[in-house]
Amino acid sequence: MFAAGVGREEKRMYGLIGKMTATPGSRDALVAILLEGTTAMPGCLGYVVAHDPANADAIWITEVWDSEASHKESLSLPAVQAAIARARPLIAGFSDRVVTTPVGGVGLGAVRGD
């Protein structure tokens, strides 16, 4: 029998929340590209793109992954690489990037290190 947390690795979800600003007038096109490139990403538990109501060119992206490794691996997927290439000219900048450790919520089960 193991003591709590000893002899096994606890599995933790990985989350990102970030603000992206599109070039003037291209927010909807950028959103469409981001949503197209996210249909099949192994380990992705949630990917939400939202308009920023205070800035007509800004969006917020909230991601939840089963692990940080799954997020890193997703960046090499052909569909994600293609979306990045198409989106790059429409991106004016990034800000407010925060890494989180999700523990559960609507649509997400709590992940335990069993």
C-alpha atoms as a PDB file:
ATOM      1  CA  MET A   1       0.000   0.000   0.000  1.00  0.00           C
ATOM      2  CA  PHE A   2       1.277   3.456  -0.895  1.00  0.00           C
ATOM      3  CA  ALA A   3       0.949   6.572   1.183  1.00  0.00           C
ATOM      4  CA  ALA A   4      -1.079   9.269  -0.519  1.00  0.00           C
ATOM      5  CA  GLY A   5       0.899  10.692  -3.420  1.00  0.00           C
ATOM      6  CA  VAL A   6       3.836   8.316  -2.936  1.00  0.00           C
ATOM      7  CA  GLY A   7       4.805   5.823  -5.617  1.00  0.00           C
ATOM      8  CA  ARG A   8       2.537   7.148  -8.328  1.00  0.00           C
ATOM      9  CA  GLU A   9       2.335  10.264 -10.423  1.00  0.00           C
ATOM     10  CA  GLU A  10      -0.773  12.406 -10.019  1.00  0.00           C
ATOM     11  CA  LYS A  11      -2.422  13.224 -13.339  1.00  0.00           C
ATOM     12  CA  ARG A  12      -3.267  16.894 -13.668  1.00  0.00           C
ATOM     13  CA  MET A  13      -5.159  18.711 -16.330  1.00  0.00           C
ATOM     14  CA  TYR A  14      -3.479  21.645 -18.067  1.00  0.00           C
ATOM     15  CA  GLY A  15      -5.237  24.872 -18.908  1.00  0.00           C
ATOM     16  CA  LEU A  16      -4.481  28.034 -20.836  1.00  0.00           C
ATOM     17  CA  ILE A  17      -6.414  31.276 -21.012  1.00  0.00           C
ATOM     18  CA  GLY A  18      -5.164  33.962 -23.371  1.00  0.00           C
ATOM     19  CA  LYS A  19      -6.171  37.086 -25.184  1.00  0.00           C
ATOM     20  CA  MET A  20      -5.431  37.452 -28.893  1.00  0.00           C
ATOM     21  CA  THR A  21      -5.947  40.612 -30.914  1.00  0.00           C
ATOM     22  CA  ALA A  22      -6.769  40.372 -34.598  1.00  0.00           C
ATOM     23  CA  THR A  23      -5.702  42.876 -37.207  1.00  0.00           C
ATOM     24  CA  PRO A  24      -8.449  45.514 -37.615  1.00  0.00           C
ATOM     25  CA  GLY A  25     -11.613  44.044 -39.085  1.00  0.00           C
ATOM     26  CA  SER A  26     -10.392  40.436 -39.253  1.00  0.00           C
ATOM     27  CA  ARG A  27     -11.621  39.050 -35.921  1.00  0.00           C
ATOM     28  CA  ASP A  28     -14.384  36.878 -37.428  1.00  0.00           C
ATOM     29  CA  ALA A  29     -12.033  35.404 -40.030  1.00  0.00           C
ATOM     30  CA  LEU A  30      -9.466  34.641 -37.312  1.00  0.00           C
ATOM     31  CA  VAL A  31     -12.105  32.983 -35.124  1.00  0.00           C
ATOM     32  CA  ALA A  32     -13.253  30.811 -38.047  1.00  0.00           C
ATOM     33  CA  ILE A  33      -9.691  29.617 -38.683  1.00  0.00           C
ATOM     34  CA  LEU A  34      -9.078  28.852 -35.002  1.00  0.00           C
ATOM     35  CA  LEU A  35     -12.270  26.832 -34.750  1.00  0.00           C
ATOM     36  CA  GLU A  36     -11.589  24.886 -37.977  1.00  0.00           C
ATOM     37  CA  GLY A  37      -8.162  23.771 -36.752  1.00  0.00           C
ATOM     38  CA  THR A  38      -9.452  22.304 -33.499  1.00  0.00           C
ATOM     39  CA  THR A  39     -11.727  19.474 -34.548  1.00  0.00           C
ATOM     40  CA  ALA A  40      -9.427  16.546 -33.725  1.00  0.00           C
ATOM     41  CA  MET A  41      -6.877  17.274 -31.023  1.00  0.00           C
ATOM     42  CA  PRO A  42      -6.160  14.226 -28.838  1.00  0.00           C
ATOM     43  CA  GLY A  43      -6.246  15.137 -25.163  1.00  0.00           C
ATOM     44  CA  CYS A  44      -8.194  18.373 -25.685  1.00  0.00           C
ATOM     45  CA  LEU A  45     -11.063  18.465 -23.197  1.00  0.00           C
ATOM     46  CA  GLY A  46     -12.208  21.976 -24.023  1.00  0.00           C
ATOM     47  CA  TYR A  47     -11.369  24.731 -26.494  1.00  0.00           C
ATOM     48  CA  VAL A  48     -13.492  27.883 -26.349  1.00  0.00           C
ATOM     49  CA  VAL A  49     -13.007  30.978 -28.490  1.00  0.00           C
ATOM     50  CA  ALA A  50     -14.951  34.040 -27.296  1.00  0.00           C
ATOM     51  CA  HIS A  51     -15.359  37.607 -28.525  1.00  0.00           C
ATOM     52  CA  ASP A  52     -14.144  40.324 -26.171  1.00  0.00           C
ATOM     53  CA  PRO A  53     -17.155  42.662 -25.878  1.00  0.00           C
ATOM     54  CA  ALA A  54     -14.904  45.595 -24.937  1.00  0.00           C
ATOM     55  CA  ASN A  55     -12.628  45.320 -28.003  1.00  0.00           C
ATOM     56  CA  ALA A  56     -13.987  44.615 -31.507  1.00  0.00           C
ATOM     57  CA  ASP A  57     -10.664  43.073 -32.574  1.00  0.00           C
ATOM     58  CA  ALA A  58      -9.960  40.895 -29.503  1.00  0.00           C
ATOM     59  CA  ILE A  59     -10.789  37.315 -28.620  1.00  0.00           C
ATOM     60  CA  TRP A  60     -10.214  35.139 -25.567  1.00  0.00           C
ATOM     61  CA  ILE A  61      -9.190  31.504 -25.928  1.00  0.00           C
ATOM     62  CA  THR A  62      -9.736  29.067 -23.059  1.00  0.00           C
ATOM     63  CA  GLU A  63      -8.185  25.619 -23.388  1.00  0.00           C
ATOM     64  CA  VAL A  64      -8.348  22.550 -21.149  1.00  0.00           C
ATOM     65  CA  TRP A  65      -6.127  19.559 -21.829  1.00  0.00           C
ATOM     66  CA  ASP A  66      -5.721  16.205 -20.131  1.00  0.00           C
ATOM     67  CA  SER A  67      -2.027  17.071 -19.730  1.00  0.00           C
ATOM     68  CA  GLU A  68       0.600  19.613 -20.707  1.00  0.00           C
ATOM     69  CA  ALA A  69       2.183  16.974 -22.943  1.00  0.00           C
ATOM     70  CA  SER A  70      -1.045  16.652 -24.976  1.00  0.00           C
ATOM     71  CA  HIS A  71      -1.074  20.415 -25.507  1.00  0.00           C
ATOM     72  CA  LYS A  72       2.531  20.432 -26.693  1.00  0.00           C
ATOM     73  CA  GLU A  73       1.910  17.476 -29.004  1.00  0.00           C
ATOM     74  CA  SER A  74      -1.116  19.214 -30.544  1.00  0.00           C
ATOM     75  CA  LEU A  75       1.101  21.975 -31.872  1.00  0.00           C
ATOM     76  CA  SER A  76       2.704  19.507 -34.303  1.00  0.00           C
ATOM     77  CA  LEU A  77      -0.573  18.165 -35.731  1.00  0.00           C
ATOM     78  CA  PRO A  78      -0.947  18.946 -39.471  1.00  0.00           C
ATOM     79  CA  ALA A  79      -4.394  20.564 -39.001  1.00  0.00           C
ATOM     80  CA  VAL A  80      -3.092  22.774 -36.191  1.00  0.00           C
ATOM     81  CA  GLN A  81       0.021  23.723 -38.176  1.00  0.00           C
ATOM     82  CA  ALA A  82      -2.169  24.656 -41.157  1.00  0.00           C
ATOM     83  CA  ALA A  83      -4.470  26.752 -38.943  1.00  0.00           C
ATOM     84  CA  ILE A  84      -1.474  28.565 -37.437  1.00  0.00           C
ATOM     85  CA  ALA A  85      -0.093  29.340 -40.892  1.00  0.00           C
ATOM     86  CA  ARG A  86      -3.450  30.693 -42.102  1.00  0.00           C
ATOM     87  CA  ALA A  87      -4.084  32.668 -38.906  1.00  0.00           C
ATOM     88  CA  ARG A  88      -0.660  34.270 -38.512  1.00  0.00           C
ATOM     89  CA  PRO A  89      -1.278  37.192 -40.955  1.00  0.00           C
ATOM     90  CA  LEU A  90      -4.532  38.026 -39.113  1.00  0.00           C
ATOM     91  CA  ILE A  91      -2.966  38.233 -35.640  1.00  0.00           C
ATOM     92  CA  ALA A  92      -1.922  41.663 -34.366  1.00  0.00           C
ATOM     93  CA  GLY A  93      -0.765  40.424 -30.966  1.00  0.00           C
ATOM     94  CA  PHE A  94      -1.111  38.304 -27.836  1.00  0.00           C
ATOM     95  CA  SER A  95      -1.562  39.329 -24.213  1.00  0.00           C
ATOM     96  CA  ASP A  96      -2.816  38.163 -20.834  1.00  0.00           C
ATOM     97  CA  ARG A  97      -1.663  34.532 -21.153  1.00  0.00           C
ATOM     98  CA  VAL A  98      -2.284  32.493 -18.015  1.00  0.00           C
ATOM     99  CA  VAL A  99      -1.505  28.826 -17.360  1.00  0.00           C
ATOM    100  CA  THR A 100      -3.990  27.074 -15.069  1.00  0.00           C
ATOM    101  CA  THR A 101      -4.516  23.656 -13.481  1.00  0.00           C
ATOM    102  CA  PRO A 102      -8.198  22.821 -14.007  1.00  0.00           C
ATOM    103  CA  VAL A 103      -9.679  20.519 -11.371  1.00  0.00           C
ATOM    104  CA  GLY A 104     -13.179  19.983 -12.804  1.00  0.00           C
ATOM    105  CA  GLY A 105     -16.337  21.750 -13.827  1.00  0.00           C
ATOM    106  CA  VAL A 106     -19.255  21.492 -16.213  1.00  0.00           C
ATOM    107  CA  GLY A 107     -18.159  19.203 -19.012  1.00  0.00           C
ATOM    108  CA  LEU A 108     -14.986  18.175 -17.189  1.00  0.00           C
ATOM    109  CA  GLY A 109     -14.687  15.336 -14.742  1.00  0.00           C
ATOM    110  CA  ALA A 110     -12.241  15.669 -11.902  1.00  0.00           C
ATOM    111  CA  VAL A 111      -9.003  13.947 -12.879  1.00  0.00           C
ATOM    112  CA  ARG A 112      -7.437  11.844 -10.160  1.00  0.00           C
ATOM    113  CA  GLY A 113      -4.045  10.198 -10.068  1.00  0.00           C
ATOM    114  CA  ASP A 114      -5.413   6.643  -9.789  1.00  0.00           C
END
